[in-house]
Protein backbone atom coordinates (compact mmCIF):
# COMPACT_ATOMS: atom_id res chain seq x y z
CA MET A 1 -92.59 -171.45 -123.66
CA ALA A 2 -95.64 -171.54 -121.55
CA LEU A 3 -94.14 -172.92 -118.73
CA MET A 4 -91.40 -170.31 -118.41
CA CYS A 5 -94.47 -167.98 -119.29
CA SER A 6 -95.97 -169.27 -116.27
CA PHE A 7 -92.16 -168.89 -113.41
CA MET A 8 -92.15 -164.99 -114.80
CA VAL A 9 -95.79 -164.57 -113.58
CA LEU A 10 -95.09 -165.93 -110.61
CA ALA A 11 -92.53 -164.53 -109.94
CA PHE A 12 -93.85 -161.13 -110.73
CA MET A 13 -96.53 -161.80 -108.23
CA ILE A 14 -93.99 -162.96 -105.53
CA GLN A 15 -91.55 -160.02 -105.53
CA ALA A 16 -95.20 -157.54 -105.57
CA ILE A 17 -96.11 -159.62 -102.00
CA LEU A 18 -93.31 -158.76 -101.64
CA ALA A 19 -92.94 -155.18 -101.90
CA ALA A 20 -95.77 -154.56 -100.03
CA THR A 21 -94.98 -152.72 -96.91
CA LEU A 22 -96.69 -152.44 -93.59
CA HIS A 23 -97.82 -149.20 -91.97
CA MET A 24 -100.57 -147.94 -88.55
CA ASN A 25 -102.79 -146.71 -87.99
CA TYR A 26 -104.32 -147.72 -84.61
CA PRO A 27 -102.58 -147.40 -81.71
CA GLU A 28 -101.85 -143.92 -82.48
CA PRO A 29 -98.43 -143.18 -80.59
CA ASN A 30 -99.41 -141.80 -76.93
CA SER A 31 -102.17 -143.85 -76.38
CA VAL A 32 -103.19 -145.23 -72.48
CA TYR A 33 -105.11 -147.90 -72.22
CA LYS A 34 -105.99 -149.81 -69.18
CA ILE A 35 -105.54 -153.70 -67.81
CA GLY A 36 -109.30 -155.57 -69.91
CA ASP A 37 -108.69 -152.51 -72.27
CA THR A 38 -110.67 -153.79 -75.92
CA MET A 39 -106.96 -152.12 -78.69
CA LEU A 40 -108.02 -151.97 -81.80
CA ILE A 41 -105.66 -153.12 -83.71
CA GLU A 42 -105.10 -151.47 -87.38
CA TRP A 43 -102.70 -151.11 -90.39
CA TYR A 44 -102.33 -151.26 -94.07
CA THR A 45 -100.34 -152.08 -97.00
CA LYS A 46 -98.99 -149.76 -99.30
CA GLU A 47 -97.67 -151.58 -102.58
CA ASN A 48 -94.30 -150.61 -103.64
CA SER A 49 -95.69 -150.47 -107.52
CA SER A 50 -98.99 -149.86 -108.63
CA MET A 51 -99.01 -153.00 -110.95
CA ALA A 52 -98.69 -154.77 -107.95
CA PRO A 53 -101.76 -156.81 -106.71
CA PRO A 54 -103.78 -156.79 -103.53
CA VAL A 55 -102.31 -159.37 -101.21
CA THR A 56 -105.06 -162.24 -100.37
CA ASP A 57 -103.34 -164.85 -98.61
CA GLU A 58 -100.53 -163.86 -96.16
CA TYR A 59 -100.83 -163.25 -92.33
CA ALA A 60 -99.86 -161.07 -90.35
CA THR A 61 -98.38 -161.31 -86.70
CA ILE A 62 -98.91 -159.11 -83.94
CA VAL A 63 -97.32 -158.61 -80.60
CA LEU A 64 -96.90 -156.57 -78.13
CA ALA A 65 -93.22 -155.64 -77.24
CA HIS A 66 -91.95 -153.14 -74.98
CA GLY A 67 -87.84 -151.44 -74.73
CA GLN A 68 -86.32 -149.75 -76.61
CA ARG A 69 -87.04 -149.19 -80.82
CA ASP A 70 -83.50 -150.76 -81.77
CA ASN A 71 -83.43 -153.22 -79.08
CA LEU A 72 -87.55 -154.45 -78.19
CA THR A 73 -88.65 -157.35 -76.24
CA ILE A 74 -91.21 -158.82 -77.47
CA ASP A 75 -93.62 -159.70 -74.38
CA ARG A 76 -96.44 -161.59 -76.17
CA ILE A 77 -97.66 -162.53 -79.18
CA MET A 78 -101.86 -161.56 -79.77
CA THR A 79 -101.75 -163.57 -82.98
CA THR A 80 -100.19 -165.65 -85.76
CA LYS A 81 -103.15 -165.55 -87.99
CA SER A 82 -104.42 -162.08 -88.80
CA ALA A 83 -105.30 -162.48 -92.51
CA LEU A 84 -102.94 -159.43 -93.83
CA ASN A 85 -105.56 -158.19 -96.19
CA LEU A 86 -108.28 -157.84 -93.19
CA GLY A 87 -106.26 -155.08 -91.35
CA PHE A 88 -107.74 -154.73 -88.42
CA TYR A 89 -107.70 -157.05 -85.00
CA GLN A 90 -108.94 -156.41 -81.52
CA TRP A 91 -107.44 -157.43 -79.01
CA ILE A 92 -108.57 -157.16 -74.69
CA ILE A 93 -105.95 -156.37 -72.74
CA PRO A 94 -105.35 -159.06 -70.24
CA ALA A 95 -104.69 -158.79 -67.06
CA THR A 96 -101.74 -160.86 -67.11
CA VAL A 97 -100.25 -157.84 -69.12
CA GLU A 98 -97.83 -156.03 -66.38
CA PRO A 99 -98.30 -151.88 -66.22
CA ARG A 100 -95.55 -150.36 -68.67
CA ALA A 101 -94.92 -146.36 -70.69
CA ASP A 102 -92.40 -148.43 -73.17
CA TYR A 103 -95.26 -150.84 -75.54
CA VAL A 104 -95.39 -150.87 -79.02
CA VAL A 105 -97.52 -153.51 -80.83
CA GLU A 106 -95.47 -154.20 -83.63
CA VAL A 107 -97.42 -155.97 -87.05
CA GLY A 108 -96.36 -157.76 -89.29
CA THR A 109 -95.46 -160.81 -92.57
CA ASP A 110 -91.31 -160.80 -91.86
CA MET A 111 -88.99 -160.02 -89.81
CA SER A 112 -88.05 -157.45 -93.43
CA ASN A 113 -91.61 -155.85 -93.12
CA ILE A 114 -93.00 -154.92 -89.64
CA ALA A 115 -94.86 -152.39 -88.37
CA PHE A 116 -95.03 -150.08 -85.36
CA ALA A 117 -96.11 -146.69 -84.71
CA GLY A 118 -95.73 -145.87 -81.51
CA TYR A 119 -94.84 -146.06 -77.82
CA ILE A 120 -98.38 -146.65 -76.17
CA THR A 121 -98.65 -147.43 -71.92
CA ILE A 122 -101.10 -149.44 -70.72
CA ASN A 123 -102.01 -149.17 -66.40
CA ARG A 124 -103.49 -150.89 -64.36
CA ARG A 125 -107.74 -150.90 -63.93
CA SER A 126 -108.09 -147.73 -61.23
CA LEU A 127 -109.47 -149.87 -58.07
CA THR A 128 -113.11 -148.41 -57.50
CA THR A 129 -114.02 -147.58 -53.71
CA VAL A 130 -117.20 -148.86 -52.89
CA THR A 131 -119.67 -147.67 -50.25
CA THR A 132 -121.87 -149.73 -48.56
CA THR A 133 -123.71 -148.98 -45.16
CA ALA A 134 -124.41 -152.50 -42.69
CA LYS A 135 -126.69 -153.62 -41.90
CA THR A 136 -127.84 -155.84 -38.48
CA VAL A 137 -130.78 -157.83 -39.00
CA THR A 138 -131.12 -158.77 -35.12
CA HIS A 139 -133.40 -161.89 -33.94
CA LYS A 140 -135.83 -158.91 -33.20
CA ALA A 141 -136.31 -157.81 -36.64
CA LEU A 142 -137.32 -161.20 -37.60
CA GLY A 143 -139.80 -162.10 -35.41
CA LEU A 144 -136.96 -164.69 -33.42
CA SER A 145 -137.12 -162.90 -30.31
């Protein structure tokens, strides 16, 4: 009887964990980033049951994808081991990311529990023009002539 009760409790806990749905706060839709920026990725889980225990031992995978909403292509995996209950991840956009206006950041635990808030843009970092004044050093200035 105790074993049966343990199985029922375990089944309830698994069902409660699976009932948690992900929602994203950041990045916000239409945000614009530049290569080299630090992007804050923030999410929360919303339990579908008021009796569901907090999710503590599950991990989120975070990816950068692009394309149409129903046909996204994964560009890169940022991490596969971000603690789900932590609720945030910071990512420095590497120089190898191609600038695009149709990126999404997806956070998920499996194919049935994926969240993204909307499209974001990643641009190249603008080059700054540095004006320098050329100074000619002559032998005379060095006292050599």
